[in-house]
């Protein structure tokens, strides 16, 4: 604020809050005669004479927070006449907002947003000041990109829960963030909410068509071990739908002659750029490919449910791993949840696949015995379900919520038989649910009959 003189008009609670936050920057504080309480200058500055007597015409910035909106408008007109560059009014009626905007000034609804405007106009960013007001929330400032899913939707249609839009700026004007307000291309918005929600909600304002697997990398690594024709057909069915055209193919040595010709034909038919890897030592080859860091998806084709090679892949890579089992075209997707942080990674993939395949999306949460798992597990399961609801509602995706009790592994495996694709996280060498003495996700991967997309999770990211 260096070099700018600021005047504050009003004695409302928020005017006093502004004064407490900007006491060194505000050089003049004026109250109207009818306002209760004391302040250094009491004048009816809605008259031009008193406006000048208070020397408001010499200020760079005038902030008003008074209850009389007619006087606010009159003060704004005087400020316009006197050439004041920055005039900011806090109002809560649309008529007053329109009149002041027509004068070329800024209007804000509600107290918090005034400081954001000061920050944006005089410092260039309007998010960090909020951290002093909502200390327990996370903030993200962004520009809505063309083609984003939010474009054209009203705030009411976004079904915001545990997150919210604090401000919309369009063509240098503040747009009242009511339920009727619609999101446009190029809008500058400020989001607030819980961090793990905001980090995924921003995609709704930034991303248009489904991105999977580009959010992880640009290429696909296809590992062909013991295939059959149905698994090959399913693999290329999914690859034809997602955002990739570059495929690195590694054929396990004993299958090379049998399958290479078929895969080359598939690549030509679908116009993929396919590169065949000639290194036959499995572990050495996988380590080398992992070091490249440019793959967004691993595909492991093997008609055997679970192998040592698959276990090695799950330990090595930290990107989605697709395991076809012949249950395409993915009309139904199952998303098991038990961890509110971990589920966000799975859900981002599920949302993209649902949008690509027009699938029915369901989520399952199994509550084991509280006696065995502890009191904190049940709230954690409920929170995970709430997270899923919030994200899918924002995207306008209907979702079936399946809540069961009992043995999680048994319940999930039984339910998965009615679906064509399951998406779950996998933490190598760490128990997913404390009741079990083995890795739950590994057991599900081994025994479920449906195709899988597995999101490996590094242990260090989720250690409490």
Protein backbone atom coordinates (compact mmCIF):
# COMPACT_ATOMS: atom_id res chain seq x y z
CA UNK A 1 0.00 0.00 0.00
CA UNK A 2 3.08 2.21 -0.04
CA UNK A 3 2.43 5.59 -1.64
CA UNK A 4 -1.39 5.39 -1.46
CA UNK A 5 -3.57 7.29 1.00
CA UNK A 6 -6.75 5.56 2.17
CA UNK A 7 -9.90 6.96 3.75
CA UNK A 8 -12.48 4.84 5.54
CA UNK A 9 -16.10 5.98 5.83
CA UNK A 10 -18.38 4.22 8.30
CA UNK A 11 -18.59 2.87 11.84
CA UNK A 12 -20.06 -0.57 11.17
CA UNK A 13 -18.48 -3.65 12.75
CA UNK A 14 -16.70 -4.42 9.52
CA UNK A 15 -15.48 -0.84 9.15
CA UNK A 16 -13.85 -1.30 12.55
CA UNK A 17 -12.39 -4.60 11.38
CA UNK A 18 -10.88 -2.91 8.33
CA UNK A 19 -9.44 -0.25 10.59
CA UNK A 20 -7.83 -2.87 12.82
CA UNK A 21 -6.26 -4.62 9.82
CA UNK A 22 -5.12 -1.46 7.99
CA UNK A 23 -4.53 0.97 10.86
CA UNK A 24 -1.20 2.12 9.46
CA UNK A 25 -2.53 2.61 5.92
CA UNK A 26 -5.82 4.41 6.71
CA UNK A 27 -5.04 8.10 7.19
CA UNK A 28 -8.63 9.38 7.48
CA UNK A 29 -11.58 7.80 9.27
CA UNK A 30 -14.98 9.43 8.89
CA UNK A 31 -18.34 8.51 10.45
CA UNK A 32 -21.78 9.82 9.53
CA UNK A 33 -23.55 11.88 12.22
CA UNK A 34 -26.34 9.31 12.58
CA UNK A 35 -23.93 6.44 13.24
CA UNK A 36 -23.40 5.34 16.82
CA UNK A 37 -19.96 5.41 18.39
CA UNK A 38 -17.06 7.78 18.21
CA UNK A 39 -14.54 8.39 15.45
CA UNK A 40 -12.11 11.23 14.65
CA UNK A 41 -14.36 12.97 12.08
CA UNK A 42 -18.17 13.02 12.16
CA UNK A 43 -19.53 14.62 9.00
CA UNK A 44 -22.26 13.96 6.48
CA UNK A 45 -19.83 13.47 3.63
CA UNK A 46 -22.67 12.64 1.25
CA UNK A 47 -22.73 16.39 0.68
CA UNK A 48 -20.02 17.80 -1.57
CA UNK A 49 -19.07 20.54 0.90
CA UNK A 50 -18.52 18.14 3.83
CA UNK A 51 -16.75 15.71 1.52
CA UNK A 52 -14.16 18.38 0.76
CA UNK A 53 -13.98 19.62 4.36
CA UNK A 54 -12.98 16.11 5.38
CA UNK A 55 -10.32 16.31 2.63
CA UNK A 56 -11.58 13.10 1.07
CA UNK A 57 -10.96 14.55 -2.38
CA UNK A 58 -7.21 14.31 -1.71
CA UNK A 59 -7.22 10.55 -1.06
CA UNK A 60 -6.22 7.76 -3.45
CA UNK A 61 -8.61 5.17 -2.07
CA UNK A 62 -12.00 5.56 -0.36
CA UNK A 63 -13.68 2.60 1.36
CA UNK A 64 -17.30 2.89 2.52
CA UNK A 65 -19.02 0.58 4.96
CA UNK A 66 -22.23 2.36 5.97
CA UNK A 67 -25.80 1.14 6.31
CA UNK A 68 -27.41 3.95 4.28
CA UNK A 69 -27.02 2.78 0.71
CA UNK A 70 -28.47 5.97 -0.79
CA UNK A 71 -25.74 7.97 0.91
CA UNK A 72 -23.16 5.44 -0.28
CA UNK A 73 -24.25 6.08 -3.86
CA UNK A 74 -24.17 9.84 -3.34
CA UNK A 75 -20.65 9.65 -1.88
CA UNK A 76 -19.60 7.54 -4.88
CA UNK A 77 -20.91 10.20 -7.27
CA UNK A 78 -18.93 12.91 -5.48
CA UNK A 79 -15.81 10.73 -5.53
CA UNK A 80 -16.27 10.22 -9.28
CA UNK A 81 -16.58 13.94 -9.82
CA UNK A 82 -13.45 14.62 -7.76
CA UNK A 83 -11.43 12.12 -9.76
CA UNK A 84 -10.95 9.50 -7.04
CA UNK A 85 -9.39 6.45 -8.73
CA UNK A 86 -10.27 3.75 -6.21
CA UNK A 87 -13.69 3.75 -4.54
CA UNK A 88 -14.86 0.56 -2.85
CA UNK A 89 -18.35 0.14 -1.42
CA UNK A 90 -19.77 -2.67 0.64
CA UNK A 91 -23.41 -3.13 -0.35
CA UNK A 92 -25.99 -5.89 -0.20
CA UNK A 93 -28.60 -4.75 -2.73
CA UNK A 94 -28.28 -5.32 -6.47
CA UNK A 95 -29.62 -1.88 -7.41
CA UNK A 96 -26.90 -0.11 -5.44
CA UNK A 97 -24.24 -2.43 -6.84
CA UNK A 98 -25.37 -1.67 -10.38
CA UNK A 99 -25.35 2.10 -9.86
CA UNK A 100 -21.87 2.15 -8.39
CA UNK A 101 -20.52 -0.20 -11.04
CA UNK A 102 -21.89 2.16 -13.68
CA UNK A 103 -19.73 4.87 -12.13
CA UNK A 104 -16.71 2.66 -12.79
CA UNK A 105 -16.16 1.78 -9.14
CA UNK A 106 -16.01 -1.51 -7.28
CA UNK A 107 -18.72 -3.00 -5.10
CA UNK A 108 -18.48 -5.95 -2.79
CA UNK A 109 -21.10 -8.03 -1.06
CA UNK A 110 -20.27 -9.02 2.49
CA UNK A 111 -17.41 -7.91 4.63
CA UNK A 112 -14.68 -10.41 3.78
CA UNK A 113 -14.44 -9.47 0.13
CA UNK A 114 -13.43 -5.88 0.71
CA UNK A 115 -9.92 -6.86 1.73
CA UNK A 116 -9.61 -9.18 -1.23
CA UNK A 117 -10.37 -6.33 -3.59
CA UNK A 118 -7.81 -4.07 -1.93
CA UNK A 119 -5.29 -6.86 -2.26
CA UNK A 120 -6.08 -7.48 -5.93
CA UNK A 121 -6.13 -3.84 -6.98
CA UNK A 122 -3.15 -2.56 -5.05
CA UNK A 123 -0.99 -5.65 -4.66
CA UNK A 124 -1.95 -7.85 -7.63
CA UNK A 125 -3.32 -10.88 -5.76
CA UNK A 126 -6.49 -11.25 -3.73
CA UNK A 127 -6.06 -14.64 -2.08
CA UNK A 128 -3.44 -14.32 0.64
CA UNK A 129 -5.33 -11.66 2.62
CA UNK A 130 -8.12 -14.19 3.19
CA UNK A 131 -5.82 -16.33 5.24
CA UNK A 132 -6.09 -13.77 8.01
CA UNK A 133 -9.89 -14.07 7.96
CA UNK A 134 -10.50 -17.79 7.36
CA UNK A 135 -7.46 -19.37 8.96
CA UNK A 136 -8.74 -22.93 8.74
CA UNK A 137 -9.50 -22.86 5.01
CA UNK A 138 -7.44 -23.28 1.88
CA UNK A 139 -7.64 -20.74 -0.94
CA UNK A 140 -7.05 -20.93 -4.65
CA UNK A 141 -7.19 -18.08 -7.12
CA UNK A 142 -7.70 -19.04 -10.76
CA UNK A 143 -8.95 -17.96 -14.15
CA UNK A 144 -11.72 -20.13 -15.62
CA UNK A 145 -10.46 -21.70 -18.82
CA UNK A 146 -12.49 -22.08 -22.04
CA UNK A 147 -14.25 -25.42 -22.20
CA UNK A 148 -14.12 -26.00 -18.44
CA UNK A 149 -17.04 -28.00 -17.07
CA UNK A 150 -18.08 -25.10 -14.84
CA UNK A 151 -18.65 -22.70 -17.75
CA UNK A 152 -22.32 -21.79 -18.12
CA UNK A 153 -23.31 -23.31 -14.77
CA UNK A 154 -24.88 -21.27 -11.99
CA UNK A 155 -23.41 -21.39 -8.50
CA UNK A 156 -26.55 -23.20 -7.40
CA UNK A 157 -25.88 -25.96 -9.95
CA UNK A 158 -22.37 -26.47 -8.56
CA UNK A 159 -23.77 -27.91 -5.27
CA UNK A 160 -20.85 -26.53 -3.24
CA UNK A 161 -20.33 -28.19 0.14
CA UNK A 162 -17.22 -27.74 2.25
CA UNK A 163 -15.99 -25.35 -0.44
CA UNK A 164 -17.31 -22.09 -1.82
CA UNK A 165 -16.72 -19.28 -4.27
CA UNK A 166 -15.83 -16.10 -2.39
CA UNK A 167 -15.50 -13.82 -5.36
CA UNK A 168 -16.00 -13.60 -9.12
CA UNK A 169 -14.33 -10.82 -11.10
CA UNK A 170 -15.32 -10.32 -14.73
CA UNK A 171 -14.22 -7.46 -16.98
CA UNK A 172 -12.82 -5.66 -13.91
CA UNK A 173 -16.21 -5.84 -12.16
CA UNK A 174 -17.25 -7.81 -9.12
CA UNK A 175 -20.07 -10.30 -9.78
CA UNK A 176 -22.32 -11.06 -6.85
CA UNK A 177 -21.64 -14.75 -5.95
CA UNK A 178 -25.28 -15.74 -5.48
CA UNK A 179 -26.93 -18.97 -6.56
CA UNK A 180 -28.07 -17.37 -9.84
CA UNK A 181 -24.63 -16.11 -10.85
CA UNK A 182 -23.12 -18.10 -13.73
CA UNK A 183 -19.51 -18.96 -14.43
CA UNK A 184 -18.09 -17.58 -17.70
CA UNK A 185 -14.90 -18.19 -19.64
CA UNK A 186 -12.14 -15.96 -18.32
CA UNK A 187 -13.74 -15.25 -14.94
CA UNK A 188 -11.26 -14.70 -12.14
CA UNK A 189 -12.54 -16.54 -9.09
CA UNK A 190 -11.44 -17.21 -5.55
CA UNK A 191 -12.25 -20.62 -4.07
CA UNK A 192 -12.16 -21.45 -0.37
CA UNK A 193 -12.61 -24.71 1.48
CA UNK A 194 -10.88 -27.75 2.87
CA UNK A 195 -7.55 -28.34 1.18
CA UNK A 196 -8.15 -31.88 -0.08
CA UNK A 197 -11.47 -30.75 -1.61
CA UNK A 198 -10.15 -27.56 -3.22
CA UNK A 199 -7.20 -29.32 -4.83
CA UNK A 200 -9.67 -31.40 -6.89
CA UNK A 201 -12.50 -28.88 -7.32
CA UNK A 202 -10.15 -26.51 -9.19
CA UNK A 203 -10.06 -29.05 -12.04
CA UNK A 204 -13.74 -28.33 -12.59
CA UNK A 205 -12.83 -24.73 -13.48
CA UNK A 206 -9.62 -25.49 -15.35
CA UNK A 207 -10.26 -28.68 -17.28
CA UNK A 208 -12.63 -29.30 -20.16
CA UNK A 209 -12.67 -32.79 -21.69
CA UNK A 210 -11.40 -35.76 -19.64
CA UNK A 211 -7.62 -35.68 -19.25
CA UNK A 212 -6.78 -39.20 -18.10
CA UNK A 213 -3.95 -40.21 -18.15
CA UNK A 214 -2.31 -36.88 -19.10
CA UNK A 215 -2.36 -35.67 -15.49
CA UNK A 216 0.24 -38.37 -14.78
CA UNK A 217 2.23 -38.48 -18.04
CA UNK A 218 1.96 -38.40 -21.81
CA UNK A 219 2.69 -42.02 -22.69
CA UNK A 220 1.47 -45.53 -21.95
CA UNK A 221 3.62 -48.51 -21.05
CA UNK A 222 1.97 -51.73 -22.20
CA UNK A 223 3.45 -54.87 -20.58
CA UNK A 224 2.24 -58.04 -22.26
CA UNK A 225 2.90 -61.18 -20.24
CA UNK A 226 0.43 -64.03 -20.82
CA UNK A 227 -2.35 -62.54 -22.93
CA UNK A 228 -5.43 -63.86 -24.65
CA UNK A 229 -7.39 -62.16 -27.42
CA UNK A 230 -10.12 -60.82 -25.15
CA UNK A 231 -7.61 -59.03 -22.93
CA UNK A 232 -5.88 -57.53 -25.98
CA UNK A 233 -9.24 -56.32 -27.32
CA UNK A 234 -10.12 -54.74 -23.97
CA UNK A 235 -6.72 -53.07 -23.69
CA UNK A 236 -7.00 -51.35 -27.04
CA UNK A 237 -10.65 -50.51 -26.38
CA UNK A 238 -9.61 -48.36 -23.40
CA UNK A 239 -6.51 -46.98 -25.12
CA UNK A 240 -8.67 -45.83 -28.04
CA UNK A 241 -10.81 -43.76 -25.66
CA UNK A 242 -8.23 -42.02 -23.48
CA UNK A 243 -5.78 -39.20 -24.23
CA UNK A 244 -2.75 -41.00 -25.55
CA UNK A 245 -1.23 -41.88 -28.90
CA UNK A 246 2.24 -43.00 -27.82
CA UNK A 247 2.63 -46.53 -26.49
CA UNK A 248 5.79 -48.28 -25.38
CA UNK A 249 5.26 -52.02 -25.60
CA UNK A 250 7.25 -54.54 -23.61
CA UNK A 251 6.51 -58.17 -24.45
CA UNK A 252 7.78 -60.76 -22.00
CA UNK A 253 10.29 -62.91 -23.87
CA UNK A 254 8.36 -66.16 -24.16
CA UNK A 255 5.41 -64.40 -25.82
CA UNK A 256 7.30 -62.17 -28.26
CA UNK A 257 6.85 -64.10 -31.52
CA UNK A 258 3.20 -64.89 -30.82
CA UNK A 259 1.95 -61.40 -30.05
CA UNK A 260 4.18 -58.77 -31.66
CA UNK A 261 2.57 -59.00 -35.11
CA UNK A 262 -0.93 -58.66 -33.65
CA UNK A 263 0.03 -55.61 -31.60
CA UNK A 264 1.63 -53.92 -34.59
CA UNK A 265 -1.60 -54.37 -36.54
CA UNK A 266 -3.61 -52.86 -33.65
CA UNK A 267 -1.28 -49.88 -33.47
CA UNK A 268 -1.63 -49.23 -37.21
CA UNK A 269 -5.42 -49.54 -37.10
CA UNK A 270 -5.71 -46.99 -34.27
CA UNK A 271 -2.93 -44.68 -35.55
CA UNK A 272 -0.87 -45.10 -32.38
CA UNK A 273 2.84 -44.47 -32.20
CA UNK A 274 4.06 -47.81 -30.88
CA UNK A 275 7.60 -48.58 -29.78
CA UNK A 276 8.65 -52.12 -29.01
CA UNK A 277 11.19 -52.65 -26.25
CA UNK A 278 13.79 -55.31 -26.98
CA UNK A 279 15.25 -55.73 -23.47
CA UNK A 280 14.11 -59.13 -22.15
CA UNK A 281 15.33 -59.09 -18.55
CA UNK A 282 12.12 -58.15 -16.76
CA UNK A 283 13.29 -56.36 -13.59
CA UNK A 284 16.10 -54.52 -15.38
CA UNK A 285 13.74 -53.38 -18.12
CA UNK A 286 11.05 -52.19 -15.69
CA UNK A 287 13.55 -50.19 -13.62
CA UNK A 288 14.88 -48.55 -16.79
CA UNK A 289 11.38 -47.63 -17.99
CA UNK A 290 10.37 -46.30 -14.57
CA UNK A 291 13.34 -43.91 -14.62
CA UNK A 292 11.98 -42.21 -17.72
CA UNK A 293 9.17 -40.55 -15.70
CA UNK A 294 7.03 -39.82 -18.79
CA UNK A 295 4.37 -42.52 -18.56
CA UNK A 296 0.85 -41.69 -17.43
CA UNK A 297 -0.50 -45.24 -17.38
CA UNK A 298 0.88 -48.77 -17.03
CA UNK A 299 -1.10 -51.61 -18.63
CA UNK A 300 -0.33 -55.14 -17.45
CA UNK A 301 -1.86 -57.89 -19.59
CA UNK A 302 -1.84 -61.37 -18.09
CA UNK A 303 -4.66 -63.89 -18.00
CA UNK A 304 -3.40 -65.08 -14.60
CA UNK A 305 -5.05 -63.03 -11.84
CA UNK A 306 -1.95 -62.15 -9.80
CA UNK A 307 1.72 -62.76 -10.54
CA UNK A 308 5.12 -61.90 -9.12
CA UNK A 309 5.62 -59.57 -12.07
CA UNK A 310 2.43 -57.66 -11.24
CA UNK A 311 3.50 -57.39 -7.62
CA UNK A 312 6.86 -56.00 -8.76
CA UNK A 313 5.10 -53.47 -11.01
CA UNK A 314 2.85 -52.32 -8.17
CA UNK A 315 5.92 -51.73 -6.00
CA UNK A 316 7.91 -49.97 -8.71
CA UNK A 317 5.53 -47.46 -10.27
CA UNK A 318 3.60 -44.64 -8.64
CA UNK A 319 1.15 -43.99 -11.48
CA UNK A 320 -2.15 -45.73 -12.39
CA UNK A 321 -1.88 -49.37 -13.39
CA UNK A 322 -4.60 -50.83 -15.59
CA UNK A 323 -5.20 -54.59 -15.31
CA UNK A 324 -7.67 -55.86 -17.95
CA UNK A 325 -9.74 -58.90 -17.03
CA UNK A 326 -12.08 -58.98 -20.01
CA UNK A 327 -15.05 -57.20 -18.40
CA UNK A 328 -15.26 -54.18 -20.72
CA UNK A 329 -16.94 -51.89 -22.00
CA UNK A 330 -17.10 -50.49 -18.46
CA UNK A 331 -20.80 -49.68 -18.25
CA UNK A 332 -20.44 -49.77 -14.47
CA UNK A 333 -17.58 -48.63 -12.24
CA UNK A 334 -17.05 -49.48 -8.56
CA UNK A 335 -14.97 -47.22 -6.32
CA UNK A 336 -14.16 -48.68 -2.88
CA UNK A 337 -13.38 -45.98 -0.29
CA UNK A 338 -12.01 -45.98 3.21
CA UNK A 339 -9.54 -43.09 3.35
CA UNK A 340 -10.73 -39.48 2.74
CA UNK A 341 -7.32 -38.36 1.45
CA UNK A 342 -6.49 -41.39 -0.66
CA UNK A 343 -9.91 -41.55 -2.32
CA UNK A 344 -9.30 -38.26 -4.16
CA UNK A 345 -6.71 -39.86 -6.41
CA UNK A 346 -8.99 -42.77 -7.25
CA UNK A 347 -11.97 -40.47 -7.73
CA UNK A 348 -10.18 -38.22 -10.24
CA UNK A 349 -9.63 -41.29 -12.43
CA UNK A 350 -13.18 -42.58 -11.87
CA UNK A 351 -14.69 -39.22 -12.91
CA UNK A 352 -12.68 -39.17 -16.15
CA UNK A 353 -13.49 -42.79 -17.03
CA UNK A 354 -17.18 -42.20 -16.23
CA UNK A 355 -17.22 -39.22 -18.58
CA UNK A 356 -15.38 -41.14 -21.31
CA UNK A 357 -17.49 -44.33 -21.14
CA UNK A 358 -20.79 -42.84 -19.87
CA UNK A 359 -20.68 -45.38 -17.08
CA UNK A 360 -22.76 -45.84 -13.97
CA UNK A 361 -20.54 -44.86 -11.05
CA UNK A 362 -20.93 -46.45 -7.62
CA UNK A 363 -18.89 -46.16 -4.46
CA UNK A 364 -18.75 -48.74 -1.69
CA UNK A 365 -17.77 -48.22 1.93
CA UNK A 366 -17.63 -51.19 4.27
CA UNK A 367 -17.62 -50.50 8.00
CA UNK A 368 -15.87 -53.25 9.94
CA UNK A 369 -16.47 -53.84 13.64
CA UNK A 370 -15.66 -50.71 15.67
CA UNK A 371 -14.40 -52.96 18.45
CA UNK A 372 -11.66 -54.28 16.22
CA UNK A 373 -10.66 -51.20 14.22
CA UNK A 374 -11.03 -48.42 16.76
CA UNK A 375 -13.35 -45.44 17.16
CA UNK A 376 -11.67 -43.25 14.50
CA UNK A 377 -12.27 -45.60 11.57
CA UNK A 378 -16.04 -45.07 11.22
CA UNK A 379 -15.82 -41.24 11.01
CA UNK A 380 -12.99 -41.70 8.48
CA UNK A 381 -15.18 -43.92 6.30
CA UNK A 382 -18.06 -41.42 6.51
CA UNK A 383 -15.75 -38.55 5.60
CA UNK A 384 -14.49 -40.45 2.55
CA UNK A 385 -18.08 -40.97 1.33
CA UNK A 386 -18.81 -37.26 1.86
CA UNK A 387 -15.75 -36.33 -0.22
CA UNK A 388 -16.96 -38.51 -3.08
CA UNK A 389 -20.44 -36.93 -2.96
CA UNK A 390 -19.04 -33.41 -3.02
CA UNK A 391 -16.81 -33.95 -6.04
CA UNK A 392 -19.34 -35.92 -8.11
CA UNK A 393 -22.08 -33.37 -7.39
CA UNK A 394 -19.80 -30.58 -8.60
CA UNK A 395 -19.29 -32.48 -11.86
CA UNK A 396 -23.01 -33.24 -12.13
CA UNK A 397 -22.31 -36.98 -12.06
CA UNK A 398 -24.95 -39.22 -10.39
CA UNK A 399 -23.43 -41.75 -8.04
CA UNK A 400 -24.77 -44.74 -6.13
CA UNK A 401 -23.61 -44.93 -2.51
CA UNK A 402 -23.25 -48.47 -1.17
CA UNK A 403 -22.68 -48.65 2.59
CA UNK A 404 -22.23 -52.08 4.13
CA UNK A 405 -20.92 -53.65 7.31
CA UNK A 406 -18.77 -56.71 7.83
CA UNK A 407 -15.53 -58.01 6.42
CA UNK A 408 -14.35 -55.32 3.90
CA UNK A 409 -12.52 -57.76 1.62
CA UNK A 410 -15.42 -60.20 1.42
CA UNK A 411 -18.01 -57.47 0.92
CA UNK A 412 -16.03 -55.64 -1.77
CA UNK A 413 -15.28 -58.84 -3.69
CA UNK A 414 -18.93 -59.92 -3.57
CA UNK A 415 -20.12 -56.51 -4.76
CA UNK A 416 -17.48 -56.20 -7.50
CA UNK A 417 -18.98 -59.16 -9.39
CA UNK A 418 -21.82 -56.87 -10.51
CA UNK A 419 -19.44 -54.31 -12.06
CA UNK A 420 -17.13 -54.14 -15.08
CA UNK A 421 -14.34 -51.95 -13.69
CA UNK A 422 -13.03 -51.29 -10.20
CA UNK A 423 -10.72 -48.41 -9.25
CA UNK A 424 -8.80 -48.59 -5.99
CA UNK A 425 -5.62 -47.44 -4.32
CA UNK A 426 -2.80 -49.73 -3.28
CA UNK A 427 -0.13 -48.95 -0.71
CA UNK A 428 2.79 -51.37 -1.10
CA UNK A 429 3.99 -52.91 2.17
CA UNK A 430 1.41 -51.06 4.25
CA UNK A 431 -1.98 -52.22 5.55
CA UNK A 432 -4.94 -50.38 4.06
CA UNK A 433 -7.27 -51.31 6.94
CA UNK A 434 -5.77 -52.03 10.37
CA UNK A 435 -7.96 -55.04 11.19
CA UNK A 436 -6.15 -57.25 8.67
CA UNK A 437 -2.72 -58.85 8.88
CA UNK A 438 -2.29 -58.69 5.09
CA UNK A 439 -2.55 -56.05 2.39
CA UNK A 440 -6.28 -55.72 1.69
CA UNK A 441 -5.88 -54.10 -1.71
CA UNK A 442 -3.44 -56.82 -2.83
CA UNK A 443 -5.97 -59.49 -1.89
CA UNK A 444 -8.72 -57.72 -3.83
CA UNK A 445 -6.45 -57.31 -6.87
CA UNK A 446 -5.68 -61.01 -6.75
CA UNK A 447 -9.23 -62.29 -6.39
CA UNK A 448 -11.68 -59.90 -8.05
CA UNK A 449 -12.95 -61.07 -11.45
CA UNK A 450 -13.34 -57.54 -12.87
CA UNK A 451 -10.90 -55.25 -14.63
CA UNK A 452 -8.95 -52.89 -12.41
CA UNK A 453 -7.28 -49.51 -12.38
CA UNK A 454 -4.96 -49.43 -9.38
CA UNK A 455 -3.45 -46.22 -8.03
CA UNK A 456 -0.25 -47.02 -6.12
CA UNK A 457 0.29 -44.64 -3.21
CA UNK A 458 3.67 -43.85 -1.70
CA UNK A 459 3.65 -44.61 2.01
CA UNK A 460 5.28 -41.31 2.96
CA UNK A 461 2.41 -39.32 1.50
CA UNK A 462 -0.11 -40.76 3.93
CA UNK A 463 1.79 -41.29 7.10
CA UNK A 464 0.11 -39.45 9.93
